[in-house]
Amino acid sequence: MMEVLKSAHFPTVRAWVEGWVISRGTPEPVREPWGLRVDVGLPGHVARHIVAAPTPEILRHLTGTLTVAGTWLKLCGPAQAVVPHLPPGWDVKDPEFMMTAALVREPARPAPPGYHLAVTTRAGVTAVRLLTTAGEVAARGQFAVAGATAVVDRVETGDGHRRRGLGTAVMRTIAATAAAKGARTGVLVATAQGQALYSTLGWSLHTPVTAAVLTSR
């Protein structure tokens, strides 16, 4: 049995996973010697294994023992550092970026012209939506608080509503609402496009993330 690795990334990664499972309504994460496991239980996403400090030894262990298609690896490191250790059958996804930000309580800001803001909380998940006058969801995002960390999830802007500042409005509302709920830090995992937006809002890169899914053995 491998020893648990002490990684500077692990507290932030653990907070992200703990908030993610609340946001997605999955079972609680299970601590493993090399990181965390979430049994998602969905087609194409059976489970995910999150490794804060992937080493060749850990990757050999995981890829040698995981056999179920639809099993995911979330590896804290750039693709060039981990992909050479993944055998055939693992489909590597586009680069991702774990980002963090300090959260500060701010006065509510008005929604962009032509939209109105809706903020609702259910089962520990707070959803922020920007709606058109016809009630269409133009942009949205959500977060769940784990300890003092707000985990931001599922931020998106609909086709036909982009480049209007809606993503910025959603993120600022999420940050202010989370701070009002007692969260001091925010964490999220972004695409390259999302990273560009979040960087302008004060979010900083914590670690690159490489995602891979087992498609065959």
Protein backbone atom coordinates (compact mmCIF):
# COMPACT_ATOMS: atom_id res chain seq x y z
CA MET A 1 0.00 0.00 0.00
CA MET A 2 1.47 3.35 -1.01
CA GLU A 3 1.81 6.04 1.64
CA VAL A 4 -0.37 9.11 1.46
CA LEU A 5 1.61 11.84 -0.25
CA LYS A 6 1.85 15.17 1.50
CA SER A 7 1.27 17.72 -1.24
CA ALA A 8 0.95 21.48 -0.98
CA HIS A 9 -1.97 21.13 -3.38
CA PHE A 10 -3.92 18.64 -1.29
CA PRO A 11 -5.89 20.97 1.08
CA THR A 12 -7.19 22.99 -1.86
CA VAL A 13 -7.86 19.88 -3.93
CA ARG A 14 -9.71 18.27 -1.03
CA ALA A 15 -11.86 21.38 -0.56
CA TRP A 16 -12.65 21.40 -4.28
CA VAL A 17 -13.70 17.75 -4.22
CA GLU A 18 -15.80 18.18 -1.07
CA GLY A 19 -17.68 21.10 -2.63
CA TRP A 20 -17.94 19.40 -6.03
CA VAL A 21 -19.75 16.37 -4.59
CA ILE A 22 -22.29 18.69 -2.92
CA SER A 23 -22.76 20.61 -6.15
CA ARG A 24 -23.23 17.42 -8.21
CA GLY A 25 -25.18 15.44 -5.60
CA THR A 26 -22.77 12.49 -5.63
CA PRO A 27 -21.62 10.32 -2.70
CA GLU A 28 -18.98 11.79 -0.41
CA PRO A 29 -15.36 11.35 -1.48
CA VAL A 30 -13.39 8.38 -0.22
CA ARG A 31 -9.82 8.89 0.95
CA GLU A 32 -7.31 6.67 -0.81
CA PRO A 33 -3.57 6.30 -0.18
CA TRP A 34 -2.84 8.39 -3.26
CA GLY A 35 -5.72 10.92 -3.10
CA LEU A 36 -9.52 10.89 -3.29
CA ARG A 37 -12.12 8.79 -5.09
CA VAL A 38 -15.67 9.83 -5.96
CA ASP A 39 -18.12 7.13 -7.03
CA VAL A 40 -20.19 9.21 -9.44
CA GLY A 41 -22.20 6.32 -10.85
CA LEU A 42 -23.17 7.84 -14.20
CA PRO A 43 -22.82 6.34 -17.69
CA GLY A 44 -19.45 7.46 -19.01
CA HIS A 45 -18.54 8.81 -15.58
CA VAL A 46 -18.53 5.82 -13.27
CA ALA A 47 -15.94 7.17 -10.85
CA ARG A 48 -13.27 9.81 -10.66
CA HIS A 49 -9.89 9.55 -8.97
CA ILE A 50 -8.33 12.85 -7.95
CA VAL A 51 -4.58 12.90 -7.40
CA ALA A 52 -2.96 16.03 -6.00
CA ALA A 53 0.61 14.82 -6.59
CA PRO A 54 0.69 12.27 -9.40
CA THR A 55 3.94 10.32 -9.65
CA PRO A 56 4.92 7.61 -12.12
CA GLU A 57 4.44 5.04 -9.34
CA ILE A 58 0.89 6.24 -8.58
CA LEU A 59 -0.02 6.38 -12.26
CA ARG A 60 1.28 2.86 -12.84
CA HIS A 61 -0.76 1.65 -9.88
CA LEU A 62 -3.98 3.35 -10.99
CA THR A 63 -3.77 2.51 -14.68
CA GLY A 64 -2.79 -1.05 -13.83
CA THR A 65 -5.76 -1.66 -11.53
CA LEU A 66 -8.60 0.43 -12.97
CA THR A 67 -10.53 -1.59 -15.54
CA VAL A 68 -14.01 -0.07 -15.88
CA ALA A 69 -14.62 2.14 -18.92
CA GLY A 70 -15.89 5.56 -17.92
CA THR A 71 -13.43 5.84 -15.02
CA TRP A 72 -11.80 9.27 -14.82
CA LEU A 73 -8.47 10.52 -13.55
CA LYS A 74 -8.10 14.13 -12.43
CA LEU A 75 -4.37 14.70 -12.12
CA CYS A 76 -2.87 17.88 -10.70
CA GLY A 77 -0.14 18.51 -13.21
CA PRO A 78 0.39 19.55 -16.83
CA ALA A 79 -0.25 17.04 -19.59
CA GLN A 80 3.42 16.78 -20.53
CA ALA A 81 4.23 15.54 -17.03
CA VAL A 82 1.57 12.83 -16.78
CA VAL A 83 0.50 11.73 -20.26
CA PRO A 84 3.72 9.75 -20.93
CA HIS A 85 2.76 7.54 -17.98
CA LEU A 86 -0.75 6.73 -19.27
CA PRO A 87 -1.00 3.51 -21.31
CA PRO A 88 -3.23 3.11 -24.38
CA GLY A 89 -6.94 3.20 -23.66
CA TRP A 90 -6.87 6.49 -21.74
CA ASP A 91 -8.39 9.47 -23.57
CA VAL A 92 -6.74 12.70 -22.44
CA LYS A 93 -9.04 15.72 -22.43
CA ASP A 94 -8.35 19.41 -23.02
CA PRO A 95 -6.20 21.14 -20.38
CA GLU A 96 -7.92 22.36 -17.24
CA PHE A 97 -6.83 24.84 -14.60
CA MET A 98 -7.58 24.85 -10.88
CA MET A 99 -7.91 28.46 -9.75
CA THR A 100 -8.44 30.18 -6.41
CA ALA A 101 -9.47 33.63 -5.22
CA ALA A 102 -10.00 35.45 -1.95
CA LEU A 103 -13.70 36.22 -1.47
CA VAL A 104 -14.88 39.58 -0.17
CA ARG A 105 -18.39 40.68 0.74
CA GLU A 106 -19.54 43.35 -1.68
CA PRO A 107 -22.79 45.24 -2.24
CA ALA A 108 -25.10 43.65 -4.77
CA ARG A 109 -24.59 44.84 -8.33
CA PRO A 110 -27.43 45.33 -10.79
CA ALA A 111 -27.87 42.80 -13.57
CA PRO A 112 -26.73 43.83 -17.06
CA PRO A 113 -29.41 45.72 -19.03
CA GLY A 114 -32.08 43.42 -20.44
CA TYR A 115 -31.59 40.71 -17.81
CA HIS A 116 -32.60 40.06 -14.24
CA LEU A 117 -30.81 38.11 -11.56
CA ALA A 118 -32.15 35.07 -9.69
CA VAL A 119 -30.27 33.54 -6.76
CA THR A 120 -31.65 30.40 -5.12
CA THR A 121 -30.26 27.84 -2.66
CA ARG A 122 -31.34 24.23 -2.36
CA ALA A 123 -29.67 21.28 -0.62
CA GLY A 124 -26.51 23.28 -0.01
CA VAL A 125 -26.15 24.41 -3.63
CA THR A 126 -26.62 28.08 -4.51
CA ALA A 127 -27.52 28.74 -8.14
CA VAL A 128 -27.03 32.13 -9.78
CA ARG A 129 -28.94 32.74 -13.00
CA LEU A 130 -29.31 35.67 -15.36
CA LEU A 131 -32.70 35.55 -17.05
CA THR A 132 -34.09 37.35 -20.06
CA THR A 133 -37.39 39.18 -19.87
CA ALA A 134 -38.95 36.07 -21.41
CA GLY A 135 -37.57 33.89 -18.62
CA GLU A 136 -34.83 32.22 -20.68
CA VAL A 137 -31.66 31.32 -18.77
CA ALA A 138 -28.95 33.38 -20.48
CA ALA A 139 -26.11 32.61 -18.09
CA ARG A 140 -25.71 30.58 -14.95
CA GLY A 141 -23.35 29.18 -12.36
CA GLN A 142 -23.53 27.54 -8.97
CA PHE A 143 -21.47 26.95 -5.87
CA ALA A 144 -21.37 24.85 -2.72
CA VAL A 145 -19.52 25.76 0.46
CA ALA A 146 -17.16 23.22 2.03
CA GLY A 147 -15.75 24.59 5.27
CA ALA A 148 -14.50 28.08 4.44
CA THR A 149 -14.19 27.35 0.72
CA ALA A 150 -16.79 28.02 -1.97
CA VAL A 151 -16.51 25.61 -4.88
CA VAL A 152 -17.74 27.20 -8.10
CA ASP A 153 -19.26 24.88 -10.68
CA ARG A 154 -21.16 24.77 -13.97
CA VAL A 155 -20.60 28.36 -15.05
CA GLU A 156 -21.83 28.90 -18.60
CA THR A 157 -23.32 31.50 -20.91
CA GLY A 158 -25.87 30.54 -23.53
CA ASP A 159 -25.43 30.97 -27.26
CA GLY A 160 -26.59 34.39 -28.34
CA HIS A 161 -25.78 35.98 -24.98
CA ARG A 162 -22.01 35.97 -25.03
CA ARG A 163 -19.71 39.00 -24.98
CA ARG A 164 -22.23 40.98 -22.95
CA GLY A 165 -20.57 40.70 -19.56
CA LEU A 166 -22.95 38.03 -18.31
CA GLY A 167 -20.21 35.62 -17.23
CA THR A 168 -18.56 38.41 -15.27
CA ALA A 169 -21.87 39.29 -13.61
CA VAL A 170 -22.50 35.68 -12.64
CA MET A 171 -19.01 35.24 -11.19
CA ARG A 172 -19.16 38.47 -9.20
CA THR A 173 -22.54 37.51 -7.79
CA ILE A 174 -21.27 34.05 -6.89
CA ALA A 175 -18.22 35.51 -5.12
CA ALA A 176 -20.23 38.07 -3.15
CA THR A 177 -22.96 35.58 -2.22
CA ALA A 178 -20.45 32.96 -1.13
CA ALA A 179 -18.60 35.53 0.99
CA ALA A 180 -21.89 36.52 2.62
CA LYS A 181 -22.35 32.84 3.53
CA GLY A 182 -18.98 32.81 5.31
CA ALA A 183 -16.68 31.48 2.60
CA ARG A 184 -13.25 33.10 2.54
CA THR A 185 -11.76 31.38 -0.49
CA GLY A 186 -13.13 30.32 -3.85
CA VAL A 187 -11.87 27.42 -5.94
CA LEU A 188 -12.87 26.17 -9.38
CA VAL A 189 -11.55 24.16 -12.29
CA ALA A 190 -11.67 26.07 -15.56
CA THR A 191 -11.19 25.44 -19.25
CA ALA A 192 -8.60 27.53 -21.06
CA GLN A 193 -11.36 29.93 -22.14
CA GLY A 194 -12.70 30.17 -18.61
CA GLN A 195 -9.22 30.77 -17.22
CA ALA A 196 -8.90 33.85 -19.40
CA LEU A 197 -12.12 35.33 -17.95
CA TYR A 198 -11.48 34.37 -14.33
CA SER A 199 -7.95 35.82 -14.43
CA THR A 200 -9.43 39.25 -15.17
CA LEU A 201 -11.64 38.87 -12.07
CA GLY A 202 -8.77 38.23 -9.67
CA TRP A 203 -8.60 34.44 -9.76
CA SER A 204 -5.11 32.90 -9.73
CA LEU A 205 -3.81 29.60 -11.06
CA HIS A 206 -3.32 27.03 -8.31
CA THR A 207 -2.34 24.06 -10.48
CA PRO A 208 -2.86 22.75 -14.00
CA VAL A 209 -5.18 19.74 -14.13
CA THR A 210 -5.02 16.92 -16.65
CA ALA A 211 -8.19 14.87 -17.08
CA ALA A 212 -8.24 11.45 -18.70
CA VAL A 213 -11.00 8.85 -19.06
CA LEU A 214 -10.60 5.12 -19.56
CA THR A 215 -12.26 4.15 -22.83
CA SER A 216 -10.96 0.59 -23.27
CA ARG A 217 -8.53 -1.99 -21.90
